[in-house]
Amino acid sequence: MNAVDTILQKHPRAGRDALIPILQEVQETEGYLSREAVIRISKHLKLPATKLYGVATFYNQFRFQPKGKYHFTLCRGTACHVKGSNRVLEMAQKMLKLKPGQTSRDRLFSLETVACMGACGLSPVMNVNGEFYAKVTPQKLVQIIQECRETESKNGQ
């Protein structure tokens, strides 16, 4: 039995009202909502998978790909936008060859944008694996990505 089935067993007669808590629990356990998990949940709840995708894509908290080893989260709130987070995002997309919500094939990098991180005075703000970076510029982002790649090359030797 896999983790999704174990979670579903805890909700034996669940209905539509249990959808979000189940999605949250599966994502917390698995790290993301896989296609297989969505299908299992839809069968368990007797809801079309398209309905589940509709709900999960509405909420920012759900992801359909696993996070990369280095998970970049960029604030796109008003203060960060005014201070240039769009240029930082463009550089991140160029260097990582990812769009927000994507993970690299080697699962080394993932990129996400959020509406606000609540650190407007430090804008633009970025978070990499829980470490916050303030006043991020495209040049600073390049350095951060290079440091991640250097760490990986040292660990790979």
C-alpha atoms as a PDB file:
ATOM      1  CA  MET A   1       0.000   0.000   0.000  1.00  0.00           C
ATOM      2  CA  ASN A   2       1.348   3.432  -0.891  1.00  0.00           C
ATOM      3  CA  ALA A   3       1.178   6.691   1.074  1.00  0.00           C
ATOM      4  CA  VAL A   4      -1.853   7.983  -0.843  1.00  0.00           C
ATOM      5  CA  ASP A   5      -3.853   4.845  -0.055  1.00  0.00           C
ATOM      6  CA  THR A   6      -2.849   5.114   3.611  1.00  0.00           C
ATOM      7  CA  ILE A   7      -4.151   8.694   3.696  1.00  0.00           C
ATOM      8  CA  LEU A   8      -7.373   7.745   1.924  1.00  0.00           C
ATOM      9  CA  GLN A   9      -7.983   4.945   4.435  1.00  0.00           C
ATOM     10  CA  LYS A  10      -8.138   7.619   7.152  1.00  0.00           C
ATOM     11  CA  HIS A  11     -11.104   9.125   5.257  1.00  0.00           C
ATOM     12  CA  PRO A  12     -13.289   6.065   4.562  1.00  0.00           C
ATOM     13  CA  ARG A  13     -16.573   7.801   3.708  1.00  0.00           C
ATOM     14  CA  ALA A  14     -15.150  11.142   2.669  1.00  0.00           C
ATOM     15  CA  GLY A  15     -17.046  13.419   0.373  1.00  0.00           C
ATOM     16  CA  ARG A  16     -16.344  16.591  -1.520  1.00  0.00           C
ATOM     17  CA  ASP A  17     -15.874  18.501   1.790  1.00  0.00           C
ATOM     18  CA  ALA A  18     -12.742  16.432   2.511  1.00  0.00           C
ATOM     19  CA  LEU A  19     -11.097  17.231  -0.818  1.00  0.00           C
ATOM     20  CA  ILE A  20      -8.824  20.085   0.283  1.00  0.00           C
ATOM     21  CA  PRO A  21      -7.671  18.422   3.523  1.00  0.00           C
ATOM     22  CA  ILE A  22      -6.879  15.229   1.580  1.00  0.00           C
ATOM     23  CA  LEU A  23      -4.991  17.158  -1.112  1.00  0.00           C
ATOM     24  CA  GLN A  24      -3.034  18.976   1.610  1.00  0.00           C
ATOM     25  CA  GLU A  25      -2.177  15.751   3.408  1.00  0.00           C
ATOM     26  CA  VAL A  26      -1.063  14.007   0.215  1.00  0.00           C
ATOM     27  CA  GLN A  27       1.094  16.967  -0.802  1.00  0.00           C
ATOM     28  CA  GLU A  28       2.612  17.181   2.675  1.00  0.00           C
ATOM     29  CA  THR A  29       3.488  13.488   2.534  1.00  0.00           C
ATOM     30  CA  GLU A  30       4.528  13.200  -1.114  1.00  0.00           C
ATOM     31  CA  GLY A  31       5.834  16.736  -1.672  1.00  0.00           C
ATOM     32  CA  TYR A  32       3.456  17.340  -4.576  1.00  0.00           C
ATOM     33  CA  LEU A  33       0.283  16.033  -6.205  1.00  0.00           C
ATOM     34  CA  SER A  34       1.222  13.433  -8.773  1.00  0.00           C
ATOM     35  CA  ARG A  35      -1.103  12.437 -11.595  1.00  0.00           C
ATOM     36  CA  GLU A  36      -1.516   9.030  -9.975  1.00  0.00           C
ATOM     37  CA  ALA A  37      -2.426  10.601  -6.618  1.00  0.00           C
ATOM     38  CA  VAL A  38      -5.072  12.808  -8.244  1.00  0.00           C
ATOM     39  CA  ILE A  39      -6.603   9.779  -9.969  1.00  0.00           C
ATOM     40  CA  ARG A  40      -6.652   7.746  -6.719  1.00  0.00           C
ATOM     41  CA  ILE A  41      -8.227  10.636  -4.802  1.00  0.00           C
ATOM     42  CA  SER A  42     -10.833  11.234  -7.516  1.00  0.00           C
ATOM     43  CA  LYS A  43     -11.870   7.582  -7.453  1.00  0.00           C
ATOM     44  CA  HIS A  44     -12.013   7.560  -3.659  1.00  0.00           C
ATOM     45  CA  LEU A  45     -14.160  10.700  -3.523  1.00  0.00           C
ATOM     46  CA  LYS A  46     -16.176   9.718  -6.608  1.00  0.00           C
ATOM     47  CA  LEU A  47     -15.330  13.026  -8.250  1.00  0.00           C
ATOM     48  CA  PRO A  48     -13.937  13.578 -11.749  1.00  0.00           C
ATOM     49  CA  ALA A  49     -10.179  14.172 -11.814  1.00  0.00           C
ATOM     50  CA  THR A  50     -10.853  17.404 -13.716  1.00  0.00           C
ATOM     51  CA  LYS A  51     -12.762  18.678 -10.668  1.00  0.00           C
ATOM     52  CA  LEU A  52      -9.754  17.927  -8.446  1.00  0.00           C
ATOM     53  CA  TYR A  53      -7.407  19.699 -10.851  1.00  0.00           C
ATOM     54  CA  GLY A  54      -9.795  22.651 -10.947  1.00  0.00           C
ATOM     55  CA  VAL A  55      -9.724  22.987  -7.162  1.00  0.00           C
ATOM     56  CA  ALA A  56      -5.981  22.329  -6.831  1.00  0.00           C
ATOM     57  CA  THR A  57      -5.024  24.827  -9.529  1.00  0.00           C
ATOM     58  CA  PHE A  58      -7.253  27.482  -7.946  1.00  0.00           C
ATOM     59  CA  TYR A  59      -5.222  27.399  -4.738  1.00  0.00           C
ATOM     60  CA  ASN A  60      -1.610  28.610  -4.819  1.00  0.00           C
ATOM     61  CA  GLN A  61      -0.475  26.068  -2.217  1.00  0.00           C
ATOM     62  CA  PHE A  62      -0.711  23.008  -4.464  1.00  0.00           C
ATOM     63  CA  ARG A  63       1.994  21.885  -6.871  1.00  0.00           C
ATOM     64  CA  PHE A  64       2.003  19.160  -9.502  1.00  0.00           C
ATOM     65  CA  GLN A  65       5.744  18.652  -9.685  1.00  0.00           C
ATOM     66  CA  PRO A  66       8.182  17.819  -6.890  1.00  0.00           C
ATOM     67  CA  LYS A  67      10.336  20.641  -5.576  1.00  0.00           C
ATOM     68  CA  GLY A  68      13.921  20.765  -6.741  1.00  0.00           C
ATOM     69  CA  LYS A  69      16.832  20.342  -4.373  1.00  0.00           C
ATOM     70  CA  TYR A  70      17.164  24.125  -4.611  1.00  0.00           C
ATOM     71  CA  HIS A  71      13.668  25.597  -4.468  1.00  0.00           C
ATOM     72  CA  PHE A  72      13.607  29.275  -5.486  1.00  0.00           C
ATOM     73  CA  THR A  73      10.586  31.271  -4.342  1.00  0.00           C
ATOM     74  CA  LEU A  74      10.371  34.831  -5.610  1.00  0.00           C
ATOM     75  CA  CYS A  75       8.024  37.444  -4.170  1.00  0.00           C
ATOM     76  CA  ARG A  76       5.895  39.223  -6.761  1.00  0.00           C
ATOM     77  CA  GLY A  77       4.064  41.539  -4.361  1.00  0.00           C
ATOM     78  CA  THR A  78       3.620  45.220  -5.146  1.00  0.00           C
ATOM     79  CA  ALA A  79       6.722  46.456  -3.309  1.00  0.00           C
ATOM     80  CA  CYS A  80       8.892  43.733  -4.848  1.00  0.00           C
ATOM     81  CA  HIS A  81       7.435  44.406  -8.293  1.00  0.00           C
ATOM     82  CA  VAL A  82       8.155  48.134  -8.007  1.00  0.00           C
ATOM     83  CA  LYS A  83      11.728  47.342  -6.893  1.00  0.00           C
ATOM     84  CA  GLY A  84      12.399  45.072  -9.879  1.00  0.00           C
ATOM     85  CA  SER A  85      11.336  41.518  -9.059  1.00  0.00           C
ATOM     86  CA  ASN A  86      10.206  41.113 -12.679  1.00  0.00           C
ATOM     87  CA  ARG A  87      13.830  41.499 -13.872  1.00  0.00           C
ATOM     88  CA  VAL A  88      14.907  38.947 -11.235  1.00  0.00           C
ATOM     89  CA  LEU A  89      12.184  36.558 -12.431  1.00  0.00           C
ATOM     90  CA  GLU A  90      13.257  36.971 -16.057  1.00  0.00           C
ATOM     91  CA  MET A  91      16.866  36.180 -15.102  1.00  0.00           C
ATOM     92  CA  ALA A  92      15.770  33.149 -13.062  1.00  0.00           C
ATOM     93  CA  GLN A  93      13.765  31.825 -16.003  1.00  0.00           C
ATOM     94  CA  LYS A  94      16.687  32.385 -18.355  1.00  0.00           C
ATOM     95  CA  MET A  95      19.352  30.816 -16.112  1.00  0.00           C
ATOM     96  CA  LEU A  96      17.289  27.921 -14.790  1.00  0.00           C
ATOM     97  CA  LYS A  97      15.376  27.394 -18.035  1.00  0.00           C
ATOM     98  CA  LEU A  98      12.193  27.133 -15.974  1.00  0.00           C
ATOM     99  CA  LYS A  99       8.886  28.908 -15.672  1.00  0.00           C
ATOM    100  CA  PRO A 100       7.231  29.409 -12.288  1.00  0.00           C
ATOM    101  CA  GLY A 101       5.787  26.122 -11.079  1.00  0.00           C
ATOM    102  CA  GLN A 102       8.359  24.009 -12.907  1.00  0.00           C
ATOM    103  CA  THR A 103      11.153  21.754 -11.722  1.00  0.00           C
ATOM    104  CA  SER A 104      14.257  20.926 -13.747  1.00  0.00           C
ATOM    105  CA  ARG A 105      14.461  17.390 -15.170  1.00  0.00           C
ATOM    106  CA  ASP A 106      17.364  16.576 -12.872  1.00  0.00           C
ATOM    107  CA  ARG A 107      15.251  17.875  -9.960  1.00  0.00           C
ATOM    108  CA  LEU A 108      18.071  20.187  -8.958  1.00  0.00           C
ATOM    109  CA  PHE A 109      16.104  23.441  -9.313  1.00  0.00           C
ATOM    110  CA  SER A 110      12.495  24.521  -9.020  1.00  0.00           C
ATOM    111  CA  LEU A 111      10.998  27.983  -9.372  1.00  0.00           C
ATOM    112  CA  GLU A 112       7.912  29.431  -7.747  1.00  0.00           C
ATOM    113  CA  THR A 113       6.411  32.890  -7.391  1.00  0.00           C
ATOM    114  CA  VAL A 114       4.229  34.033  -4.511  1.00  0.00           C
ATOM    115  CA  ALA A 115       1.976  37.045  -4.060  1.00  0.00           C
ATOM    116  CA  CYS A 116       3.767  38.352  -0.954  1.00  0.00           C
ATOM    117  CA  MET A 117       6.366  37.217   1.570  1.00  0.00           C
ATOM    118  CA  GLY A 118       5.623  40.015   4.018  1.00  0.00           C
ATOM    119  CA  ALA A 119       9.098  41.531   3.846  1.00  0.00           C
ATOM    120  CA  CYS A 120       8.270  44.586   1.771  1.00  0.00           C
ATOM    121  CA  GLY A 121      11.005  46.728   3.320  1.00  0.00           C
ATOM    122  CA  LEU A 122      13.610  44.287   1.986  1.00  0.00           C
ATOM    123  CA  SER A 123      12.225  44.073  -1.538  1.00  0.00           C
ATOM    124  CA  PRO A 124      12.734  42.404  -3.858  1.00  0.00           C
ATOM    125  CA  VAL A 125      12.821  39.277  -1.699  1.00  0.00           C
ATOM    126  CA  MET A 126      13.645  35.693  -2.622  1.00  0.00           C
ATOM    127  CA  ASN A 127      13.753  32.502  -0.605  1.00  0.00           C
ATOM    128  CA  VAL A 128      15.910  29.483  -1.437  1.00  0.00           C
ATOM    129  CA  ASN A 129      15.173  26.432   0.715  1.00  0.00           C
ATOM    130  CA  GLY A 130      14.079  28.593   3.633  1.00  0.00           C
ATOM    131  CA  GLU A 131      16.945  31.084   3.425  1.00  0.00           C
ATOM    132  CA  PHE A 132      15.796  34.618   2.652  1.00  0.00           C
ATOM    133  CA  TYR A 133      17.669  37.000   0.377  1.00  0.00           C
ATOM    134  CA  ALA A 134      16.898  40.729   0.501  1.00  0.00           C
ATOM    135  CA  LYS A 135      17.237  43.381  -2.207  1.00  0.00           C
ATOM    136  CA  VAL A 136      17.821  40.738  -4.873  1.00  0.00           C
ATOM    137  CA  THR A 137      19.054  41.957  -8.236  1.00  0.00           C
ATOM    138  CA  PRO A 138      19.504  39.881 -11.380  1.00  0.00           C
ATOM    139  CA  GLN A 139      23.278  39.925 -10.692  1.00  0.00           C
ATOM    140  CA  LYS A 140      22.783  38.716  -7.110  1.00  0.00           C
ATOM    141  CA  LEU A 141      20.524  35.942  -8.409  1.00  0.00           C
ATOM    142  CA  VAL A 142      23.246  34.827 -10.842  1.00  0.00           C
ATOM    143  CA  GLN A 143      25.673  34.546  -7.902  1.00  0.00           C
ATOM    144  CA  ILE A 144      23.185  32.520  -5.843  1.00  0.00           C
ATOM    145  CA  ILE A 145      22.552  30.084  -8.708  1.00  0.00           C
ATOM    146  CA  GLN A 146      26.297  29.752  -9.352  1.00  0.00           C
ATOM    147  CA  GLU A 147      26.861  28.992  -5.652  1.00  0.00           C
ATOM    148  CA  CYS A 148      24.228  26.245  -5.806  1.00  0.00           C
ATOM    149  CA  ARG A 149      25.859  24.749  -8.904  1.00  0.00           C
ATOM    150  CA  GLU A 150      29.330  24.943  -7.310  1.00  0.00           C
ATOM    151  CA  THR A 151      28.036  23.191  -4.203  1.00  0.00           C
ATOM    152  CA  GLU A 152      26.629  20.440  -6.404  1.00  0.00           C
ATOM    153  CA  SER A 153      29.840  20.021  -8.376  1.00  0.00           C
ATOM    154  CA  LYS A 154      31.857  19.760  -5.121  1.00  0.00           C
ATOM    155  CA  ASN A 155      29.391  17.207  -3.732  1.00  0.00           C
ATOM    156  CA  GLY A 156      29.454  15.265  -6.980  1.00  0.00           C
ATOM    157  CA  GLN A 157      33.230  14.718  -6.933  1.00  0.00           C
END
